[in-house]
């Protein structure tokens, strides 16, 4: 009897060990904090001023999450990911977007056939990240399109292919959950979709990306400016980007054409089309130290004008998980443009942080980032 009990216990332990070997859960996160100086900021009395403040997430979003995988056999795996952002300076989470505002997905993965996910994800336009010299820091490729490149998307189904002969494909489709397929004002999100193709070679990488975000109010690719940022919120986006690897140097660039249709209002200064381009170089001076220089430019129709961001900066890795960073940037606006360094909404004044039309804005950020 004792032998049978010991055998049963050994069997259970063996099964448990196999189960643990076939499934895993990983906790991870990133904390980013620093000090920021900025001039060209509107004051409450109608003038311009400057400010100095502690800031979270300028170099990279502060976040925490967990992801897991379970081996189902036959080369199939069940996968999940939960991820949310927060403010390092005060510990607060995202407002009105729930605990896991960035990722909340579950799906199936197969090394031969790819990965299928369902849930909430970073929208496919975040594919710019891999080709932005400053990696979509607060002052980079999202700034001049007022955040159009970095939203999240709910009700999503997505597919990531394996890499074949250097090519891989990624696609997303997000339902509006309204009775009208594209949205009719009954839900918070209109239909969203996109696809990207990437080719990777030893010395270069290129990516083509198309996406669209529809107005939840009427399903159009634009809608009224009275309750939205128009082209910056609801539009089609055509993007072509490249990375060029030259030893210690990485050259990056991209072009985006942002287009609307079905606009219900085209007030002067609010564009229906945007052309956005950027380029930059990263010099990996040592295994720990990187120096970056980049230029971002946008041109809008309908009197929106044009603006250019010039930025230099870099990072130094104190360890594999901790780095210190520095970025200096200035945005130069044409006579009718009022873009800020941050990805602010349309408008002028303290509520948006945008400078007055035709004015510039300059900032310096220094911080520390730790990943775990």
Protein backbone atom coordinates (compact mmCIF):
# COMPACT_ATOMS: atom_id res chain seq x y z
CA UNK A 1 0.00 0.00 0.00
CA UNK A 2 2.84 2.34 0.89
CA UNK A 3 4.56 1.58 -2.40
CA UNK A 4 1.36 2.37 -4.32
CA UNK A 5 0.98 5.67 -2.46
CA UNK A 6 4.57 6.63 -3.15
CA UNK A 7 4.17 5.69 -6.82
CA UNK A 8 1.01 7.79 -7.11
CA UNK A 9 2.70 10.75 -5.45
CA UNK A 10 5.70 10.43 -7.75
CA UNK A 11 3.39 10.29 -10.77
CA UNK A 12 1.55 13.44 -9.69
CA UNK A 13 4.81 15.26 -9.13
CA UNK A 14 6.01 14.18 -12.55
CA UNK A 15 2.80 15.36 -14.23
CA UNK A 16 3.03 18.67 -12.36
CA UNK A 17 6.64 19.16 -13.44
CA UNK A 18 5.74 18.49 -17.08
CA UNK A 19 2.80 20.91 -16.88
CA UNK A 20 5.01 23.62 -15.42
CA UNK A 21 7.60 23.01 -18.13
CA UNK A 22 4.95 23.37 -20.84
CA UNK A 23 3.36 26.59 -19.59
CA UNK A 24 4.72 29.83 -18.17
CA UNK A 25 3.67 33.29 -17.04
CA UNK A 26 6.05 36.25 -17.19
CA UNK A 27 5.64 39.53 -15.30
CA UNK A 28 7.35 42.51 -16.89
CA UNK A 29 7.38 46.29 -16.83
CA UNK A 30 9.14 49.56 -17.44
CA UNK A 31 9.48 52.69 -15.31
CA UNK A 32 10.43 55.97 -16.95
CA UNK A 33 10.88 59.24 -15.06
CA UNK A 34 12.74 62.48 -15.54
CA UNK A 35 12.85 66.26 -15.46
CA UNK A 36 11.60 68.43 -18.31
CA UNK A 37 12.07 72.07 -19.27
CA UNK A 38 9.96 73.66 -22.01
CA UNK A 39 9.48 77.20 -23.30
CA UNK A 40 6.93 78.57 -25.75
CA UNK A 41 4.09 77.35 -23.53
CA UNK A 42 0.85 79.40 -23.44
CA UNK A 43 0.12 81.08 -20.11
CA UNK A 44 -3.25 81.67 -18.50
CA UNK A 45 -3.16 85.41 -19.26
CA UNK A 46 -2.85 85.02 -23.02
CA UNK A 47 0.94 85.28 -23.20
CA UNK A 48 3.80 82.81 -23.53
CA UNK A 49 5.80 81.33 -20.68
CA UNK A 50 8.13 78.46 -19.78
CA UNK A 51 7.92 75.65 -17.27
CA UNK A 52 10.05 73.13 -15.39
CA UNK A 53 8.42 69.91 -14.16
CA UNK A 54 8.90 66.27 -13.24
CA UNK A 55 7.52 64.03 -15.98
CA UNK A 56 6.81 60.36 -16.61
CA UNK A 57 7.10 58.58 -19.95
CA UNK A 58 8.94 61.11 -22.10
CA UNK A 59 11.54 58.60 -23.30
CA UNK A 60 9.17 55.61 -23.17
CA UNK A 61 5.78 54.78 -21.68
CA UNK A 62 5.83 53.54 -18.09
CA UNK A 63 3.98 50.22 -18.07
CA UNK A 64 3.54 46.85 -16.41
CA UNK A 65 2.03 43.63 -17.61
CA UNK A 66 2.05 39.88 -17.77
CA UNK A 67 2.14 37.40 -20.63
CA UNK A 68 1.78 33.67 -20.69
CA UNK A 69 2.01 30.64 -22.93
CA UNK A 70 0.68 27.09 -22.66
CA UNK A 71 1.86 24.27 -24.93
CA UNK A 72 -1.20 22.58 -26.46
CA UNK A 73 0.75 20.03 -28.45
CA UNK A 74 1.07 19.61 -32.19
CA UNK A 75 3.09 22.84 -32.41
CA UNK A 76 0.17 24.92 -31.05
CA UNK A 77 0.34 27.23 -28.03
CA UNK A 78 -2.29 29.24 -26.18
CA UNK A 79 -1.00 32.75 -25.47
CA UNK A 80 -2.23 35.78 -23.55
CA UNK A 81 -0.98 39.27 -22.70
CA UNK A 82 -2.23 41.92 -20.27
CA UNK A 83 -0.54 45.34 -20.19
CA UNK A 84 -1.35 48.75 -18.77
CA UNK A 85 0.36 52.13 -18.60
CA UNK A 86 0.79 54.38 -15.56
CA UNK A 87 2.36 57.62 -14.41
CA UNK A 88 5.60 57.00 -12.52
CA UNK A 89 5.45 60.39 -10.83
CA UNK A 90 2.14 59.85 -9.02
CA UNK A 91 1.37 56.17 -9.53
CA UNK A 92 -1.92 56.83 -11.33
CA UNK A 93 -3.15 54.55 -14.08
CA UNK A 94 -4.82 55.47 -17.38
CA UNK A 95 -7.96 57.58 -17.13
CA UNK A 96 -11.23 56.10 -18.44
CA UNK A 97 -9.43 53.26 -20.18
CA UNK A 98 -9.33 50.49 -17.58
CA UNK A 99 -6.47 48.65 -15.97
CA UNK A 100 -5.07 47.02 -19.13
CA UNK A 101 -5.42 49.89 -21.58
CA UNK A 102 -2.60 48.78 -23.90
CA UNK A 103 -3.01 45.01 -24.21
CA UNK A 104 -5.67 42.48 -23.20
CA UNK A 105 -5.43 39.60 -25.66
CA UNK A 106 -5.79 35.83 -25.84
CA UNK A 107 -5.06 33.63 -28.84
CA UNK A 108 -3.33 30.73 -30.54
CA UNK A 109 0.24 30.64 -31.81
CA UNK A 110 1.99 28.18 -34.14
CA UNK A 111 5.59 28.49 -35.29
CA UNK A 112 4.67 27.33 -38.79
CA UNK A 113 1.38 29.17 -39.32
CA UNK A 114 1.69 32.32 -37.18
CA UNK A 115 -0.25 33.93 -34.31
CA UNK A 116 -3.95 34.82 -34.06
CA UNK A 117 -5.09 37.14 -31.24
CA UNK A 118 -8.36 38.66 -30.04
CA UNK A 119 -8.89 41.58 -27.64
CA UNK A 120 -7.41 45.04 -27.11
CA UNK A 121 -4.06 45.88 -28.70
CA UNK A 122 -1.87 48.77 -29.67
CA UNK A 123 -3.25 49.83 -33.05
CA UNK A 124 -1.28 48.75 -36.09
CA UNK A 125 -0.14 52.34 -36.76
CA UNK A 126 2.27 51.81 -33.85
CA UNK A 127 4.33 49.87 -36.42
CA UNK A 128 6.09 53.20 -36.92
CA UNK A 129 8.01 52.49 -33.68
CA UNK A 130 10.62 50.23 -35.34
CA UNK A 131 11.50 52.95 -37.88
CA UNK A 132 11.47 56.08 -35.70
CA UNK A 133 14.98 57.21 -34.60
CA UNK A 134 13.57 58.19 -31.19
CA UNK A 135 11.34 55.12 -30.90
CA UNK A 136 8.11 57.11 -30.57
CA UNK A 137 9.32 59.07 -27.57
CA UNK A 138 7.05 61.96 -26.55
CA UNK A 139 8.84 64.26 -29.00
CA UNK A 140 9.01 62.29 -32.23
CA UNK A 141 6.88 60.70 -34.96
CA UNK A 142 3.54 61.09 -33.13
CA UNK A 143 3.96 64.79 -32.30
CA UNK A 144 3.19 66.42 -35.65
CA UNK A 145 0.21 64.14 -36.34
CA UNK A 146 -1.19 64.78 -32.84
CA UNK A 147 -0.97 61.16 -31.65
CA UNK A 148 -2.34 59.56 -34.85
CA UNK A 149 0.53 57.01 -34.76
CA UNK A 150 0.09 55.57 -31.27
CA UNK A 151 -3.56 54.79 -30.33
CA UNK A 152 -4.93 51.54 -28.91
CA UNK A 153 -7.73 49.54 -30.49
CA UNK A 154 -10.51 47.47 -28.87
CA UNK A 155 -12.65 44.62 -30.30
CA UNK A 156 -9.61 43.57 -32.29
CA UNK A 157 -8.66 40.42 -34.17
CA UNK A 158 -5.10 40.25 -35.47
CA UNK A 159 -2.76 37.91 -37.34
CA UNK A 160 1.03 37.86 -37.38
CA UNK A 161 2.64 35.58 -39.96
CA UNK A 162 5.96 33.81 -39.53
CA UNK A 163 8.89 35.17 -41.54
CA UNK A 164 9.23 33.60 -45.00
CA UNK A 165 12.18 34.49 -47.26
CA UNK A 166 12.64 37.71 -45.29
CA UNK A 167 8.96 38.76 -45.53
CA UNK A 168 6.34 38.85 -42.79
CA UNK A 169 2.74 40.06 -42.72
CA UNK A 170 0.71 41.59 -39.89
CA UNK A 171 -2.96 42.57 -40.01
CA UNK A 172 -5.64 43.91 -37.66
CA UNK A 173 -9.40 44.26 -37.87
CA UNK A 174 -11.39 45.95 -35.09
CA UNK A 175 -15.18 45.82 -35.03
CA UNK A 176 -17.21 48.91 -34.17
CA UNK A 177 -19.71 46.74 -32.22
CA UNK A 178 -22.43 49.08 -33.55
CA UNK A 179 -25.46 48.11 -35.64
CA UNK A 180 -23.81 50.01 -38.50
CA UNK A 181 -20.65 48.16 -39.54
CA UNK A 182 -18.50 51.32 -39.52
CA UNK A 183 -20.10 53.01 -36.48
CA UNK A 184 -23.27 55.03 -35.91
CA UNK A 185 -22.84 56.90 -32.63
CA UNK A 186 -23.91 54.06 -30.34
CA UNK A 187 -20.39 52.87 -29.44
CA UNK A 188 -17.15 54.54 -28.42
CA UNK A 189 -15.14 53.18 -31.36
CA UNK A 190 -15.70 53.04 -35.09
CA UNK A 191 -14.36 50.29 -37.31
CA UNK A 192 -10.55 50.17 -37.47
CA UNK A 193 -8.30 48.06 -39.68
CA UNK A 194 -4.83 47.86 -41.14
CA UNK A 195 -2.15 45.70 -42.74
CA UNK A 196 1.61 45.87 -42.96
CA UNK A 197 4.28 43.97 -44.88
CA UNK A 198 7.90 43.99 -43.74
CA UNK A 199 11.02 42.77 -45.52
CA UNK A 200 14.15 42.24 -43.43
CA UNK A 201 17.65 41.70 -44.82
CA UNK A 202 21.05 41.79 -43.10
CA UNK A 203 21.76 45.39 -44.14
CA UNK A 204 18.28 46.92 -44.39
CA UNK A 205 14.61 46.64 -43.52
CA UNK A 206 11.57 48.13 -45.26
CA UNK A 207 7.91 48.28 -44.25
CA UNK A 208 4.72 49.30 -46.00
CA UNK A 209 1.67 50.03 -43.86
CA UNK A 210 -1.96 50.94 -44.50
CA UNK A 211 -4.53 51.64 -41.81
CA UNK A 212 -7.82 53.40 -41.26
CA UNK A 213 -9.66 54.67 -38.18
CA UNK A 214 -13.34 55.53 -38.66
CA UNK A 215 -15.38 58.10 -36.77
CA UNK A 216 -17.64 56.25 -34.27
CA UNK A 217 -20.30 58.94 -34.71
CA UNK A 218 -21.04 58.27 -38.37
CA UNK A 219 -18.53 55.72 -39.64
CA UNK A 220 -16.76 58.19 -41.94
CA UNK A 221 -13.04 58.77 -42.40
CA UNK A 222 -13.22 62.29 -41.03
CA UNK A 223 -16.54 63.43 -39.66
CA UNK A 224 -17.09 66.75 -37.90
CA UNK A 225 -14.32 68.77 -36.28
CA UNK A 226 -16.76 69.94 -33.64
CA UNK A 227 -16.20 66.82 -31.54
CA UNK A 228 -12.90 65.43 -32.78
CA UNK A 229 -9.41 66.12 -34.11
CA UNK A 230 -10.61 65.33 -37.62
CA UNK A 231 -7.73 64.07 -39.80
CA UNK A 232 -5.61 63.47 -36.71
CA UNK A 233 -8.23 61.08 -35.28
CA UNK A 234 -10.25 59.61 -38.16
CA UNK A 235 -8.52 59.04 -41.47
CA UNK A 236 -6.62 56.68 -43.75
CA UNK A 237 -2.87 56.43 -43.41
CA UNK A 238 -0.40 55.23 -46.07
CA UNK A 239 3.13 54.71 -44.74
CA UNK A 240 6.47 53.62 -46.22
CA UNK A 241 9.56 53.31 -43.98
CA UNK A 242 13.11 51.99 -43.99
CA UNK A 243 16.00 51.05 -41.71
CA UNK A 244 19.56 50.94 -43.06
CA UNK A 245 22.23 49.17 -40.96
CA UNK A 246 25.76 50.46 -41.52
CA UNK A 247 27.99 49.07 -38.79
CA UNK A 248 27.72 51.38 -35.79
CA UNK A 249 25.19 53.56 -37.63
CA UNK A 250 21.48 53.05 -38.25
CA UNK A 251 19.77 55.36 -40.75
CA UNK A 252 15.97 55.55 -40.55
CA UNK A 253 13.25 57.35 -42.44
CA UNK A 254 9.57 57.32 -43.30
CA UNK A 255 6.77 59.01 -45.22
CA UNK A 256 3.07 59.10 -44.30
CA UNK A 257 0.12 60.34 -46.34
CA UNK A 258 -2.92 60.90 -44.11
CA UNK A 259 -6.20 61.36 -45.95
CA UNK A 260 -9.85 61.93 -44.99
CA UNK A 261 -13.21 61.59 -46.73
CA UNK A 262 -16.74 62.56 -45.78
CA UNK A 263 -15.71 65.64 -43.81
CA UNK A 264 -18.73 67.47 -42.41
CA UNK A 265 -16.79 70.62 -41.57
CA UNK A 266 -13.56 72.03 -42.96
CA UNK A 267 -12.89 75.05 -40.81
CA UNK A 268 -9.89 77.18 -41.82
CA UNK A 269 -6.66 75.89 -40.31
CA UNK A 270 -7.96 72.35 -39.80
CA UNK A 271 -6.51 70.01 -42.46
CA UNK A 272 -8.23 67.28 -44.44
CA UNK A 273 -4.87 65.95 -45.69
CA UNK A 274 -1.47 65.68 -44.06
CA UNK A 275 1.95 64.74 -45.46
CA UNK A 276 4.39 63.65 -42.79
CA UNK A 277 8.01 62.60 -43.20
CA UNK A 278 11.06 62.07 -41.03
CA UNK A 279 14.65 60.91 -41.09
CA UNK A 280 17.43 60.36 -38.60
CA UNK A 281 20.65 58.60 -37.65
CA UNK A 282 21.58 56.59 -34.55
CA UNK A 283 25.27 56.15 -33.77
CA UNK A 284 25.97 53.25 -31.41
CA UNK A 285 29.23 54.77 -30.22
CA UNK A 286 29.86 51.98 -27.68
CA UNK A 287 27.83 48.94 -26.63
CA UNK A 288 26.33 51.14 -23.89
CA UNK A 289 26.15 54.61 -25.47
CA UNK A 290 23.94 55.75 -28.36
CA UNK A 291 23.65 59.21 -29.93
CA UNK A 292 20.60 60.16 -32.04
CA UNK A 293 19.73 63.00 -34.40
CA UNK A 294 16.40 63.31 -36.23
CA UNK A 295 14.15 65.68 -38.18
CA UNK A 296 10.33 65.39 -38.43
CA UNK A 297 8.18 67.49 -40.80
CA UNK A 298 4.46 67.83 -41.52
CA UNK A 299 2.50 69.82 -44.07
CA UNK A 300 -1.27 70.26 -43.86
CA UNK A 301 -3.76 71.74 -46.31
CA UNK A 302 -6.63 74.16 -45.65
CA UNK A 303 -4.35 76.71 -43.98
CA UNK A 304 -2.95 74.29 -41.40
CA UNK A 305 0.57 75.23 -42.43
CA UNK A 306 3.72 73.21 -41.83
CA UNK A 307 6.07 72.48 -38.96
CA UNK A 308 9.45 70.87 -38.37
CA UNK A 309 10.90 69.25 -35.26
CA UNK A 310 14.68 69.12 -34.90
CA UNK A 311 15.91 66.82 -32.15
CA UNK A 312 19.15 65.41 -30.77
CA UNK A 313 19.65 63.10 -27.83
CA UNK A 314 20.86 59.74 -26.70
CA UNK A 315 21.02 57.13 -24.00
CA UNK A 316 23.61 55.35 -21.88
CA UNK A 317 22.98 51.87 -20.49
CA UNK A 318 24.11 51.60 -16.88
CA UNK A 319 23.16 47.90 -17.07
CA UNK A 320 21.09 45.57 -19.25
CA UNK A 321 17.93 46.88 -17.59
CA UNK A 322 18.70 50.50 -16.66
CA UNK A 323 19.56 53.48 -18.84
CA UNK A 324 19.80 57.26 -18.54
CA UNK A 325 18.54 59.40 -21.39
CA UNK A 326 18.63 62.96 -22.72
CA UNK A 327 16.67 64.68 -25.49
CA UNK A 328 16.72 68.25 -26.77
CA UNK A 329 14.11 69.29 -29.34
CA UNK A 330 12.58 72.34 -30.96
CA UNK A 331 9.53 72.71 -33.19
CA UNK A 332 9.44 75.51 -35.75
CA UNK A 333 5.96 76.47 -37.00
CA UNK A 334 4.96 78.31 -40.17
CA UNK A 335 2.75 81.39 -39.87
CA UNK A 336 -0.54 79.48 -39.46
CA UNK A 337 0.74 76.29 -37.76
CA UNK A 338 0.73 75.70 -34.00
CA UNK A 339 2.19 72.25 -33.39
CA UNK A 340 3.83 71.52 -30.05
CA UNK A 341 6.57 69.09 -29.11
CA UNK A 342 4.00 66.84 -27.44
CA UNK A 343 1.22 65.10 -29.38
CA UNK A 344 -1.41 67.63 -28.35
CA UNK A 345 -5.01 67.93 -29.53
CA UNK A 346 -6.06 70.67 -31.96
CA UNK A 347 -6.36 74.09 -30.33
CA UNK A 348 -4.46 76.94 -28.74
CA UNK A 349 -3.92 77.78 -25.10
CA UNK A 350 -2.99 76.19 -21.77
CA UNK A 351 -5.53 73.37 -22.18
CA UNK A 352 -3.63 71.96 -25.19
CA UNK A 353 -0.04 73.08 -24.48
CA UNK A 354 0.33 74.15 -28.12
CA UNK A 355 2.24 77.36 -28.87
CA UNK A 356 0.48 80.22 -30.63
CA UNK A 357 0.42 80.03 -34.46
CA UNK A 358 3.76 80.87 -35.98
CA UNK A 359 5.64 80.47 -32.69
CA UNK A 360 8.27 77.90 -31.80
CA UNK A 361 8.59 75.62 -28.78
CA UNK A 362 11.79 74.16 -27.33
CA UNK A 363 12.31 71.53 -24.65
CA UNK A 364 14.97 69.52 -22.80
CA UNK A 365 14.32 66.21 -21.06
CA UNK A 366 16.69 64.13 -18.92
CA UNK A 367 15.61 60.95 -17.21
CA UNK A 368 16.19 57.38 -16.15
CA UNK A 369 14.44 54.21 -17.28
CA UNK A 370 14.40 50.76 -15.73
CA UNK A 371 12.91 47.60 -17.25
CA UNK A 372 12.11 44.39 -15.43
